[in-house]
Amino acid sequence: QVHVVESGGGLVQPGGSLRLSCAASGNILSTNAMAWYRQAPGKQRELVAITTSGCLTNYADSVKGRFTISRDKNTVFLQMNSLKPEDTAVYYCTADVLGRLGLRNDYWGQGTQVTVSS
């Protein structure tokens, strides 16, 4: 079994910063891509940033230059700077995991709320 747990959300004023963390643990042989998604009220879930096992990264246009994704083995971080009210959403982490039984699957965390408001 694999667990994915996010942390670091909260309330921040416009222009402020937050750092999200996500750790994958359990029956893991290797972790391939890890990514952050977000879902705002009334909107579809969208990809925010993704990093591969080779540390290649890609970002949504709306966050380029403000957010930075990084990883350390099975942990991924999202540094969010210059936050805007439109960044308000539940942020989800996902990990593409190869388990010790040879099965590959995507695992999702429960999500962490980020609210940008004055």
N, C-alpha and C. Protein backbone atom coordinates (compact mmCIF):
# COMPACT_ATOMS: atom_id res chain seq x y z
N GLN A 1 0.84 -1.19 0.00
CA GLN A 1 0.00 0.00 0.00
C GLN A 1 0.88 1.24 0.00
N VAL A 2 0.42 2.26 -0.69
CA VAL A 2 1.16 3.51 -0.81
C VAL A 2 0.33 4.65 -0.25
N HIS A 3 0.98 5.51 0.50
CA HIS A 3 0.33 6.69 1.07
C HIS A 3 0.98 7.93 0.51
N VAL A 4 0.13 8.91 0.19
CA VAL A 4 0.61 10.21 -0.29
C VAL A 4 -0.01 11.27 0.60
N VAL A 5 0.82 12.06 1.26
CA VAL A 5 0.33 13.02 2.25
C VAL A 5 0.90 14.40 1.94
N GLU A 6 -0.02 15.37 1.80
CA GLU A 6 0.39 16.75 1.56
C GLU A 6 0.37 17.53 2.86
N SER A 7 1.15 18.62 2.89
CA SER A 7 1.12 19.54 4.02
C SER A 7 1.58 20.91 3.55
N GLY A 8 1.29 21.93 4.36
CA GLY A 8 1.82 23.26 4.08
C GLY A 8 0.81 24.27 3.59
N GLY A 9 -0.44 23.87 3.41
CA GLY A 9 -1.43 24.84 2.96
C GLY A 9 -1.79 25.82 4.07
N GLY A 10 -2.61 26.80 3.70
CA GLY A 10 -3.04 27.77 4.68
C GLY A 10 -3.57 29.04 4.05
N LEU A 11 -3.71 30.06 4.88
CA LEU A 11 -4.20 31.37 4.45
C LEU A 11 -3.03 32.32 4.32
N VAL A 12 -2.96 33.01 3.19
CA VAL A 12 -1.87 33.95 2.96
C VAL A 12 -2.42 35.16 2.22
N GLN A 13 -1.80 36.31 2.44
CA GLN A 13 -2.24 37.53 1.76
C GLN A 13 -1.70 37.55 0.32
N PRO A 14 -2.38 38.27 -0.55
CA PRO A 14 -1.87 38.42 -1.92
C PRO A 14 -0.43 38.94 -1.91
N GLY A 15 0.39 38.35 -2.77
CA GLY A 15 1.80 38.70 -2.82
C GLY A 15 2.66 37.86 -1.89
N GLY A 16 2.04 37.08 -1.04
CA GLY A 16 2.78 36.26 -0.09
C GLY A 16 3.26 34.95 -0.69
N SER A 17 3.84 34.11 0.17
CA SER A 17 4.42 32.84 -0.26
C SER A 17 3.97 31.71 0.63
N LEU A 18 3.93 30.52 0.05
CA LEU A 18 3.68 29.28 0.79
C LEU A 18 4.53 28.19 0.16
N ARG A 19 4.86 27.21 0.98
CA ARG A 19 5.61 26.05 0.48
C ARG A 19 4.83 24.80 0.85
N LEU A 20 4.42 24.06 -0.17
CA LEU A 20 3.72 22.81 0.02
C LEU A 20 4.70 21.65 -0.04
N SER A 21 4.43 20.63 0.76
CA SER A 21 5.23 19.41 0.75
C SER A 21 4.32 18.21 0.53
N CYS A 22 4.89 17.18 -0.07
CA CYS A 22 4.13 15.96 -0.31
C CYS A 22 5.08 14.78 -0.23
N ALA A 23 4.75 13.82 0.61
CA ALA A 23 5.60 12.65 0.77
C ALA A 23 4.83 11.38 0.39
N ALA A 24 5.45 10.58 -0.45
CA ALA A 24 4.91 9.27 -0.80
C ALA A 24 5.67 8.22 -0.01
N SER A 25 4.94 7.28 0.60
CA SER A 25 5.59 6.26 1.41
C SER A 25 4.84 4.95 1.28
N GLY A 26 5.51 3.89 1.71
CA GLY A 26 4.88 2.58 1.68
C GLY A 26 5.60 1.62 0.76
N ASN A 27 4.82 0.81 0.06
CA ASN A 27 5.33 -0.26 -0.78
C ASN A 27 5.83 0.28 -2.12
N ILE A 28 6.94 1.02 -2.08
CA ILE A 28 7.45 1.72 -3.26
C ILE A 28 8.79 1.15 -3.69
N LEU A 29 8.86 0.77 -4.97
CA LEU A 29 10.14 0.37 -5.55
C LEU A 29 10.82 1.59 -6.16
N SER A 30 10.04 2.37 -6.88
CA SER A 30 10.55 3.61 -7.45
C SER A 30 9.38 4.55 -7.72
N THR A 31 9.68 5.83 -7.72
CA THR A 31 8.67 6.84 -8.01
C THR A 31 9.05 7.56 -9.29
N ASN A 32 8.17 7.59 -10.23
CA ASN A 32 8.43 8.27 -11.50
C ASN A 32 8.01 9.72 -11.38
N ALA A 33 7.09 10.17 -12.17
CA ALA A 33 6.68 11.57 -12.09
C ALA A 33 5.90 11.85 -10.81
N MET A 34 6.09 13.04 -10.28
CA MET A 34 5.28 13.55 -9.18
C MET A 34 4.77 14.91 -9.61
N ALA A 35 3.54 15.21 -9.22
CA ALA A 35 2.92 16.43 -9.74
C ALA A 35 2.00 17.07 -8.70
N TRP A 36 1.72 18.33 -8.92
CA TRP A 36 0.73 19.07 -8.15
C TRP A 36 -0.40 19.48 -9.07
N TYR A 37 -1.61 19.23 -8.61
CA TYR A 37 -2.81 19.69 -9.28
C TYR A 37 -3.55 20.61 -8.31
N ARG A 38 -4.49 21.35 -8.83
CA ARG A 38 -5.35 22.15 -7.95
C ARG A 38 -6.76 22.19 -8.52
N GLN A 39 -7.70 22.41 -7.61
CA GLN A 39 -9.09 22.52 -8.00
C GLN A 39 -9.74 23.64 -7.20
N ALA A 40 -10.17 24.66 -7.92
CA ALA A 40 -10.88 25.77 -7.30
C ALA A 40 -12.37 25.48 -7.31
N PRO A 41 -13.14 26.10 -6.43
CA PRO A 41 -14.59 25.87 -6.38
C PRO A 41 -15.24 26.12 -7.73
N GLY A 42 -16.01 25.16 -8.20
CA GLY A 42 -16.73 25.32 -9.46
C GLY A 42 -15.90 25.14 -10.70
N LYS A 43 -14.62 24.76 -10.52
CA LYS A 43 -13.74 24.59 -11.68
C LYS A 43 -13.19 23.17 -11.74
N GLN A 44 -12.69 22.80 -12.91
CA GLN A 44 -12.10 21.49 -13.07
C GLN A 44 -10.71 21.46 -12.44
N ARG A 45 -10.30 20.26 -12.07
CA ARG A 45 -8.95 20.09 -11.55
C ARG A 45 -7.95 20.35 -12.68
N GLU A 46 -6.88 21.08 -12.37
CA GLU A 46 -5.90 21.41 -13.38
C GLU A 46 -4.49 21.09 -12.90
N LEU A 47 -3.62 20.76 -13.86
CA LEU A 47 -2.23 20.50 -13.55
C LEU A 47 -1.54 21.82 -13.27
N VAL A 48 -0.82 21.88 -12.15
CA VAL A 48 -0.06 23.08 -11.79
C VAL A 48 1.41 22.92 -12.18
N ALA A 49 2.00 21.80 -11.78
CA ALA A 49 3.42 21.58 -12.05
C ALA A 49 3.71 20.09 -11.95
N ILE A 50 4.71 19.66 -12.71
CA ILE A 50 5.08 18.25 -12.71
C ILE A 50 6.59 18.13 -12.80
N THR A 51 7.12 17.10 -12.12
CA THR A 51 8.54 16.82 -12.20
C THR A 51 8.73 15.34 -12.42
N THR A 52 9.64 14.99 -13.31
CA THR A 52 9.89 13.58 -13.62
C THR A 52 10.98 13.03 -12.68
N SER A 53 11.22 11.75 -12.80
CA SER A 53 12.28 11.14 -11.99
C SER A 53 13.64 11.69 -12.38
N GLY A 54 13.76 12.22 -13.57
CA GLY A 54 15.00 12.85 -14.01
C GLY A 54 15.04 14.34 -13.74
N CYS A 55 14.05 14.81 -12.95
CA CYS A 55 13.96 16.21 -12.52
C CYS A 55 13.68 17.18 -13.65
N LEU A 56 13.10 16.70 -14.73
CA LEU A 56 12.55 17.62 -15.71
C LEU A 56 11.26 18.20 -15.15
N THR A 57 10.98 19.45 -15.46
CA THR A 57 9.80 20.10 -14.88
C THR A 57 8.97 20.77 -15.96
N ASN A 58 7.70 20.95 -15.65
CA ASN A 58 6.81 21.69 -16.53
C ASN A 58 5.75 22.36 -15.67
N TYR A 59 5.28 23.51 -16.12
CA TYR A 59 4.36 24.31 -15.33
C TYR A 59 3.17 24.78 -16.15
N ALA A 60 2.06 24.99 -15.48
CA ALA A 60 0.94 25.67 -16.11
C ALA A 60 1.36 27.11 -16.40
N ASP A 61 0.86 27.65 -17.49
CA ASP A 61 1.23 29.02 -17.87
C ASP A 61 0.89 30.02 -16.76
N SER A 62 -0.17 29.76 -16.05
CA SER A 62 -0.64 30.70 -15.03
C SER A 62 0.29 30.80 -13.83
N VAL A 63 1.21 29.84 -13.66
CA VAL A 63 2.09 29.87 -12.49
C VAL A 63 3.56 30.00 -12.85
N LYS A 64 3.87 29.99 -14.14
CA LYS A 64 5.27 30.10 -14.56
C LYS A 64 5.90 31.38 -14.03
N GLY A 65 7.10 31.24 -13.49
CA GLY A 65 7.80 32.38 -12.92
C GLY A 65 7.45 32.69 -11.49
N ARG A 66 6.40 32.04 -10.97
CA ARG A 66 5.98 32.28 -9.58
C ARG A 66 6.11 31.02 -8.72
N PHE A 67 5.85 29.85 -9.31
CA PHE A 67 5.89 28.59 -8.58
C PHE A 67 7.12 27.80 -9.02
N THR A 68 7.68 27.04 -8.08
CA THR A 68 8.80 26.17 -8.39
C THR A 68 8.56 24.80 -7.77
N ILE A 69 8.64 23.77 -8.61
CA ILE A 69 8.49 22.40 -8.11
C ILE A 69 9.88 21.79 -7.98
N SER A 70 10.07 21.02 -6.91
CA SER A 70 11.33 20.32 -6.70
C SER A 70 11.03 19.02 -5.98
N ARG A 71 12.02 18.12 -5.98
CA ARG A 71 11.79 16.85 -5.31
C ARG A 71 13.06 16.31 -4.70
N ASP A 72 12.86 15.47 -3.71
CA ASP A 72 13.96 14.77 -3.06
C ASP A 72 13.46 13.34 -2.86
N LYS A 73 13.87 12.45 -3.76
CA LYS A 73 13.43 11.05 -3.77
C LYS A 73 11.90 10.99 -3.86
N ASN A 74 11.24 10.56 -2.81
CA ASN A 74 9.79 10.38 -2.84
C ASN A 74 9.03 11.54 -2.23
N THR A 75 9.68 12.67 -2.10
CA THR A 75 9.05 13.87 -1.58
C THR A 75 9.11 14.97 -2.64
N VAL A 76 8.00 15.65 -2.81
CA VAL A 76 7.96 16.75 -3.78
C VAL A 76 7.48 18.01 -3.07
N PHE A 77 8.03 19.14 -3.50
CA PHE A 77 7.72 20.43 -2.91
C PHE A 77 7.16 21.36 -3.97
N LEU A 78 6.36 22.31 -3.53
CA LEU A 78 5.89 23.36 -4.42
C LEU A 78 6.07 24.69 -3.70
N GLN A 79 7.06 25.45 -4.13
CA GLN A 79 7.28 26.79 -3.58
C GLN A 79 6.43 27.76 -4.38
N MET A 80 5.53 28.44 -3.70
CA MET A 80 4.60 29.35 -4.36
C MET A 80 4.88 30.77 -3.89
N ASN A 81 5.28 31.62 -4.80
CA ASN A 81 5.58 33.02 -4.50
C ASN A 81 4.61 33.93 -5.25
N SER A 82 4.55 35.16 -4.84
CA SER A 82 3.69 36.16 -5.49
C SER A 82 2.28 35.63 -5.68
N LEU A 83 1.73 35.08 -4.62
CA LEU A 83 0.43 34.44 -4.71
C LEU A 83 -0.67 35.44 -5.02
N LYS A 84 -1.64 34.97 -5.78
CA LYS A 84 -2.77 35.80 -6.20
C LYS A 84 -4.07 35.15 -5.70
N PRO A 85 -5.12 35.93 -5.56
CA PRO A 85 -6.40 35.34 -5.12
C PRO A 85 -6.85 34.19 -6.03
N GLU A 86 -6.53 34.26 -7.30
CA GLU A 86 -6.94 33.19 -8.22
C GLU A 86 -6.15 31.90 -8.03
N ASP A 87 -5.14 31.92 -7.16
CA ASP A 87 -4.43 30.70 -6.81
C ASP A 87 -5.17 29.91 -5.72
N THR A 88 -6.20 30.50 -5.18
CA THR A 88 -6.98 29.83 -4.14
C THR A 88 -7.60 28.55 -4.68
N ALA A 89 -7.32 27.44 -4.01
CA ALA A 89 -7.80 26.14 -4.46
C ALA A 89 -7.37 25.07 -3.45
N VAL A 90 -7.90 23.88 -3.63
CA VAL A 90 -7.35 22.72 -2.95
C VAL A 90 -6.24 22.16 -3.84
N TYR A 91 -5.07 22.00 -3.26
CA TYR A 91 -3.92 21.50 -4.01
C TYR A 91 -3.71 20.02 -3.69
N TYR A 92 -3.58 19.24 -4.75
CA TYR A 92 -3.42 17.80 -4.63
C TYR A 92 -2.06 17.38 -5.18
N CYS A 93 -1.48 16.41 -4.52
CA CYS A 93 -0.23 15.82 -4.98
C CYS A 93 -0.52 14.44 -5.55
N THR A 94 0.21 14.09 -6.59
CA THR A 94 0.08 12.76 -7.16
C THR A 94 1.46 12.18 -7.44
N ALA A 95 1.57 10.88 -7.26
CA ALA A 95 2.84 10.19 -7.49
C ALA A 95 2.60 8.98 -8.37
N ASP A 96 3.42 8.85 -9.39
CA ASP A 96 3.39 7.69 -10.29
C ASP A 96 4.38 6.68 -9.72
N VAL A 97 3.85 5.63 -9.11
CA VAL A 97 4.66 4.73 -8.30
C VAL A 97 4.73 3.34 -8.93
N LEU A 98 5.94 2.78 -8.91
CA LEU A 98 6.13 1.36 -9.23
C LEU A 98 6.29 0.64 -7.91
N GLY A 99 5.33 -0.23 -7.61
CA GLY A 99 5.36 -0.93 -6.33
C GLY A 99 6.30 -2.12 -6.35
N ARG A 100 6.55 -2.64 -5.17
CA ARG A 100 7.50 -3.75 -5.04
C ARG A 100 6.99 -5.03 -5.67
N LEU A 101 5.69 -5.11 -5.95
CA LEU A 101 5.13 -6.26 -6.64
C LEU A 101 5.14 -6.09 -8.15
N GLY A 102 5.72 -5.01 -8.62
CA GLY A 102 5.83 -4.77 -10.05
C GLY A 102 4.64 -4.07 -10.67
N LEU A 103 3.72 -3.59 -9.84
CA LEU A 103 2.55 -2.89 -10.35
C LEU A 103 2.80 -1.39 -10.32
N ARG A 104 2.35 -0.71 -11.35
CA ARG A 104 2.52 0.73 -11.45
C ARG A 104 1.15 1.39 -11.34
N ASN A 105 1.09 2.46 -10.55
CA ASN A 105 -0.20 3.12 -10.34
C ASN A 105 0.03 4.56 -9.95
N ASP A 106 -0.99 5.40 -10.17
CA ASP A 106 -0.97 6.77 -9.70
C ASP A 106 -1.68 6.84 -8.35
N TYR A 107 -1.03 7.50 -7.40
CA TYR A 107 -1.61 7.66 -6.08
C TYR A 107 -1.79 9.14 -5.80
N TRP A 108 -2.94 9.47 -5.18
CA TRP A 108 -3.29 10.85 -4.90
C TRP A 108 -3.35 11.09 -3.40
N GLY A 109 -2.98 12.29 -3.01
CA GLY A 109 -3.17 12.70 -1.63
C GLY A 109 -4.57 13.23 -1.41
N GLN A 110 -4.85 13.59 -0.15
CA GLN A 110 -6.18 14.08 0.22
C GLN A 110 -6.38 15.54 -0.13
N GLY A 111 -5.31 16.25 -0.37
CA GLY A 111 -5.42 17.65 -0.72
C GLY A 111 -5.15 18.57 0.45
N THR A 112 -4.66 19.75 0.15
CA THR A 112 -4.43 20.77 1.17
C THR A 112 -4.95 22.11 0.64
N GLN A 113 -5.68 22.83 1.50
CA GLN A 113 -6.32 24.07 1.08
C GLN A 113 -5.33 25.23 1.09
N VAL A 114 -5.31 25.97 0.00
CA VAL A 114 -4.56 27.21 -0.09
C VAL A 114 -5.55 28.33 -0.36
N THR A 115 -5.55 29.33 0.52
CA THR A 115 -6.45 30.46 0.37
C THR A 115 -5.63 31.74 0.33
N VAL A 116 -5.79 32.51 -0.72
CA VAL A 116 -5.08 33.77 -0.88
C VAL A 116 -6.10 34.90 -0.78
N SER A 117 -6.02 35.62 0.31
CA SER A 117 -7.03 36.65 0.57
C SER A 117 -6.48 37.69 1.53
N SER A 118 -6.93 38.92 1.37
CA SER A 118 -6.55 39.97 2.30
C SER A 118 -7.59 40.11 3.41
